[in-house]
Protein backbone atom coordinates (compact mmCIF):
# COMPACT_ATOMS: atom_id res chain seq x y z
CA UNK A 1 -15.38 28.17 0.66
CA UNK A 2 -16.08 25.49 -1.98
CA UNK A 3 -13.59 27.18 -4.35
CA UNK A 4 -10.94 27.17 -1.63
CA UNK A 5 -11.50 23.46 -1.00
CA UNK A 6 -11.13 22.70 -4.72
CA UNK A 7 -7.95 24.78 -4.97
CA UNK A 8 -6.57 23.23 -1.81
CA UNK A 9 -7.23 19.76 -3.18
CA UNK A 10 -5.24 20.57 -6.31
CA UNK A 11 -2.43 22.36 -4.49
CA UNK A 12 -1.97 20.41 -1.27
CA UNK A 13 1.82 20.35 -1.59
CA UNK A 14 1.97 24.14 -2.01
CA UNK A 15 -0.15 24.84 1.06
CA UNK A 16 1.68 22.22 3.09
CA UNK A 17 5.08 23.72 2.20
CA UNK A 18 3.81 27.22 2.94
CA UNK A 19 2.56 26.06 6.34
CA UNK A 20 5.83 24.29 7.16
CA UNK A 21 7.86 27.34 6.11
CA UNK A 22 5.88 29.55 8.50
CA UNK A 23 6.56 27.03 11.28
CA UNK A 24 10.27 27.10 10.42
CA UNK A 25 10.39 30.90 10.61
CA UNK A 26 8.65 30.82 13.97
CA UNK A 27 11.15 28.25 15.19
CA UNK A 28 14.09 30.48 14.22
CA UNK A 29 12.64 33.37 16.22
CA UNK A 30 12.58 31.43 19.51
CA UNK A 31 15.79 29.38 19.22
CA UNK A 32 17.80 31.63 21.55
CA UNK A 33 15.24 31.13 24.34
CA UNK A 34 15.40 27.33 24.27
CA UNK A 35 17.75 25.39 26.58
CA UNK A 36 16.54 21.87 25.77
CA UNK A 37 14.79 20.33 22.80
CA UNK A 38 12.50 17.33 23.33
CA UNK A 39 11.89 15.50 20.08
CA UNK A 40 9.85 12.46 19.04
CA UNK A 41 11.91 11.23 16.08
CA UNK A 42 15.67 10.91 15.30
CA UNK A 43 15.20 12.73 11.98
CA UNK A 44 14.24 15.85 13.94
CA UNK A 45 17.60 15.79 15.73
CA UNK A 46 19.44 15.71 12.42
CA UNK A 47 17.41 18.63 11.12
CA UNK A 48 17.91 20.72 14.28
CA UNK A 49 21.63 20.02 14.31
CA UNK A 50 21.93 21.25 10.72
CA UNK A 51 20.47 24.58 11.79
CA UNK A 52 22.18 24.93 15.17
CA UNK A 53 25.49 23.20 14.41
CA UNK A 54 25.23 20.93 17.48
CA UNK A 55 25.03 23.81 19.95
CA UNK A 56 21.88 22.70 21.74
CA UNK A 57 20.81 19.88 24.08
CA UNK A 58 18.49 17.54 22.17
CA UNK A 59 16.74 14.59 23.82
CA UNK A 60 14.31 11.95 22.66
CA UNK A 61 12.50 10.63 25.74
CA UNK A 62 9.39 8.54 26.22
CA UNK A 63 7.54 7.21 29.22
CA UNK A 64 7.75 3.50 29.96
CA UNK A 65 5.93 1.55 27.24
CA UNK A 66 3.53 -1.11 28.61
CA UNK A 67 3.63 -4.69 27.42
CA UNK A 68 0.73 -6.04 25.38
CA UNK A 69 -1.88 -8.45 26.71
CA UNK A 70 -4.07 -10.67 24.49
CA UNK A 71 -7.44 -9.21 23.47
CA UNK A 72 -10.57 -10.73 21.98
CA UNK A 73 -11.17 -8.22 19.16
CA UNK A 74 -9.80 -10.11 16.12
CA UNK A 75 -8.97 -7.36 13.64
CA UNK A 76 -6.20 -5.65 11.67
CA UNK A 77 -6.82 -1.89 11.82
CA UNK A 78 -5.48 1.14 9.99
CA UNK A 79 -6.15 4.82 10.68
CA UNK A 80 -4.92 8.26 9.68
CA UNK A 81 -4.55 9.97 6.31
CA UNK A 82 -5.68 8.04 3.25
CA UNK A 83 -3.05 8.54 0.54
CA UNK A 84 -2.86 7.03 -2.94
CA UNK A 85 0.00 4.76 -1.90
CA UNK A 86 -1.79 3.52 1.22
CA UNK A 87 -4.92 2.73 -0.77
CA UNK A 88 -2.84 0.78 -3.27
CA UNK A 89 -1.36 -1.28 -0.45
CA UNK A 90 -4.79 -1.97 1.02
CA UNK A 91 -6.24 -3.03 -2.33
CA UNK A 92 -3.47 -5.61 -2.64
CA UNK A 93 -4.15 -6.84 0.88
CA UNK A 94 -7.87 -7.13 0.15
CA UNK A 95 -7.01 -9.24 -2.90
CA UNK A 96 -4.86 -11.38 -0.60
CA UNK A 97 -8.01 -11.95 1.48
CA UNK A 98 -6.43 -10.91 4.75
CA UNK A 99 -7.57 -12.89 7.74
CA UNK A 100 -8.58 -11.84 10.44
CA UNK A 101 -11.12 -9.06 9.87
CA UNK A 102 -10.00 -5.57 8.90
CA UNK A 103 -11.27 -2.01 8.36
CA UNK A 104 -9.48 -1.47 5.03
CA UNK A 105 -12.56 -0.67 2.94
CA UNK A 106 -13.84 1.82 5.52
CA UNK A 107 -10.44 3.50 5.52
CA UNK A 108 -10.37 3.83 1.73
CA UNK A 109 -13.73 5.62 1.73
CA UNK A 110 -12.36 8.42 3.93
CA UNK A 111 -9.70 11.10 3.42
CA UNK A 112 -8.76 10.80 7.10
CA UNK A 113 -9.96 7.84 9.11
CA UNK A 114 -10.29 7.84 12.89
CA UNK A 115 -10.02 4.41 14.43
CA UNK A 116 -13.32 3.23 15.94
CA UNK A 117 -11.76 0.56 18.15
CA UNK A 118 -8.55 -1.39 18.63
CA UNK A 119 -7.85 -4.98 17.62
CA UNK A 120 -5.02 -7.50 17.41
CA UNK A 121 -2.85 -5.50 15.03
CA UNK A 122 -2.45 -1.98 13.63
CA UNK A 123 -1.10 -1.57 10.11
CA UNK A 124 1.32 1.33 9.56
CA UNK A 125 2.16 1.80 5.86
CA UNK A 126 4.15 4.90 4.83
CA UNK A 127 2.47 7.90 3.20
CA UNK A 128 4.15 7.18 -0.10
CA UNK A 129 6.65 4.79 -1.62
CA UNK A 130 9.67 6.95 -0.74
CA UNK A 131 8.52 8.14 2.70
CA UNK A 132 11.56 7.65 5.02
CA UNK A 133 10.01 8.33 8.43
CA UNK A 134 8.52 5.82 10.84
CA UNK A 135 5.57 6.69 13.10
CA UNK A 136 6.63 6.19 16.75
CA UNK A 137 3.62 8.02 18.19
CA UNK A 138 1.29 5.76 16.22
CA UNK A 139 3.20 2.70 17.44
CA UNK A 140 2.95 3.82 21.05
CA UNK A 141 -0.76 4.66 20.77
CA UNK A 142 -1.43 1.19 19.39
CA UNK A 143 0.66 -0.57 22.03
CA UNK A 144 -0.98 1.33 24.88
CA UNK A 145 -4.33 0.13 23.54
CA UNK A 146 -3.21 -3.48 23.23
CA UNK A 147 -2.46 -3.55 19.48
CA UNK A 148 0.68 -4.91 17.84
CA UNK A 149 2.03 -2.35 15.33
CA UNK A 150 2.80 -3.91 11.95
CA UNK A 151 4.92 -2.51 9.13
CA UNK A 152 5.36 -3.79 5.58
CA UNK A 153 8.22 -1.45 4.64
CA UNK A 154 11.56 -0.64 6.27
CA UNK A 155 11.98 3.08 6.95
CA UNK A 156 15.28 4.92 6.55
CA UNK A 157 14.91 6.50 10.00
CA UNK A 158 13.43 3.54 11.85
CA UNK A 159 16.39 1.93 13.61
CA UNK A 160 15.58 3.45 17.00
CA UNK A 161 11.92 2.38 16.86
CA UNK A 162 12.32 -1.07 15.35
CA UNK A 163 11.61 -2.46 18.83
CA UNK A 164 8.09 -1.01 18.70
CA UNK A 165 6.79 -2.86 15.65
CA UNK A 166 6.83 -6.18 13.83
CA UNK A 167 7.69 -6.34 10.16
CA UNK A 168 5.67 -8.74 8.02
CA UNK A 169 5.19 -9.59 4.37
CA UNK A 170 1.75 -9.30 2.79
CA UNK A 171 1.53 -13.07 2.57
CA UNK A 172 1.97 -13.27 6.36
CA UNK A 173 -1.35 -11.50 6.88
CA UNK A 174 -3.15 -14.42 5.26
CA UNK A 175 -1.94 -16.73 7.98
CA UNK A 176 -2.81 -14.85 11.15
CA UNK A 177 -4.53 -16.93 13.82
CA UNK A 178 -4.74 -16.97 17.60
CA UNK A 179 -1.68 -19.18 18.01
CA UNK A 180 0.38 -16.89 15.76
CA UNK A 181 -1.07 -13.86 17.54
CA UNK A 182 0.13 -15.13 20.94
CA UNK A 183 3.56 -15.79 19.45
CA UNK A 184 3.66 -12.23 18.07
CA UNK A 185 2.72 -10.85 21.49
CA UNK A 186 5.64 -12.69 23.03
CA UNK A 187 7.98 -11.30 20.36
CA UNK A 188 6.79 -7.69 20.59
CA UNK A 189 6.86 -7.70 24.40
CA UNK A 190 10.51 -8.77 24.35
CA UNK A 191 11.22 -5.89 21.97
CA UNK A 192 9.27 -3.46 24.17
CA UNK A 193 11.37 -4.44 27.19
CA UNK A 194 14.53 -3.79 25.15
CA UNK A 195 13.17 -0.41 24.09
CA UNK A 196 12.38 0.58 27.69
CA UNK A 197 15.95 -0.18 28.76
CA UNK A 198 17.33 1.90 25.90
CA UNK A 199 14.89 4.73 26.50
CA UNK A 200 15.59 4.86 30.27
CA UNK A 201 19.17 5.94 29.53
CA UNK A 202 17.90 8.92 27.53
CA UNK A 203 15.45 9.84 30.28
CA UNK A 204 18.18 9.76 32.94
CA UNK A 205 20.49 11.95 30.84
CA UNK A 206 17.64 14.41 30.30
CA UNK A 207 16.73 14.57 34.02
CA UNK A 208 20.37 15.05 35.02
CA UNK A 209 20.67 18.00 32.66
CA UNK A 210 17.39 19.52 33.90
CA UNK A 211 18.62 19.29 37.49
CA UNK A 212 21.92 20.85 36.48
CA UNK A 213 20.20 23.76 34.73
CA UNK A 214 17.89 24.21 37.71
CA UNK A 215 20.83 24.46 40.12
CA UNK A 216 22.55 26.93 37.81
CA UNK A 217 19.40 29.06 37.63
CA UNK A 218 18.97 29.07 41.42
CA UNK A 219 22.54 30.31 41.86
CA UNK A 220 21.86 33.19 39.48
CA UNK A 221 18.73 34.14 41.41
């Protein structure tokens, strides 16, 4: 077991690619039995369309996202996988003496850090410098628990989810205070309302298609 862990640590990319390839093969085996794809990220639609040549119904739908209310826990939190790039970002932020409190040092001591509690903000740096994908599920989890998702980088595939985060510079994190926090809540809530309007259109299109397929199925029966 210890040998496997050592080998895995040195060959993470290999095992990850092997795992993803097995998922891809499984996906190809069930394609013909799928009427509708529900996805969580626009990049997935592009990838599916490349395989299927736009022959399938693909929808990206979310439930209504709640607006954020002020909380007392003054903190900037980060969770998830600790990568080299993320640790480098956090070291810079520590040198900037980020205010309010944060869990950066706890995060850097762990390979994968589970958030202990939620605070004012959640920090969402990419896995590496060239990582193109945003993290909508992380944004939504934070928002539902009263946190404002922050990003420091612009993602290539983030246009759709730009309403679910605030972009800041490192220097901005030195100047966070309650007055600024309330202003950020007002800004993010306006963006959340815009996102809900946009998302509702996708949900309606999805439900209309489901009803159509259901009627078609009932006629066949």
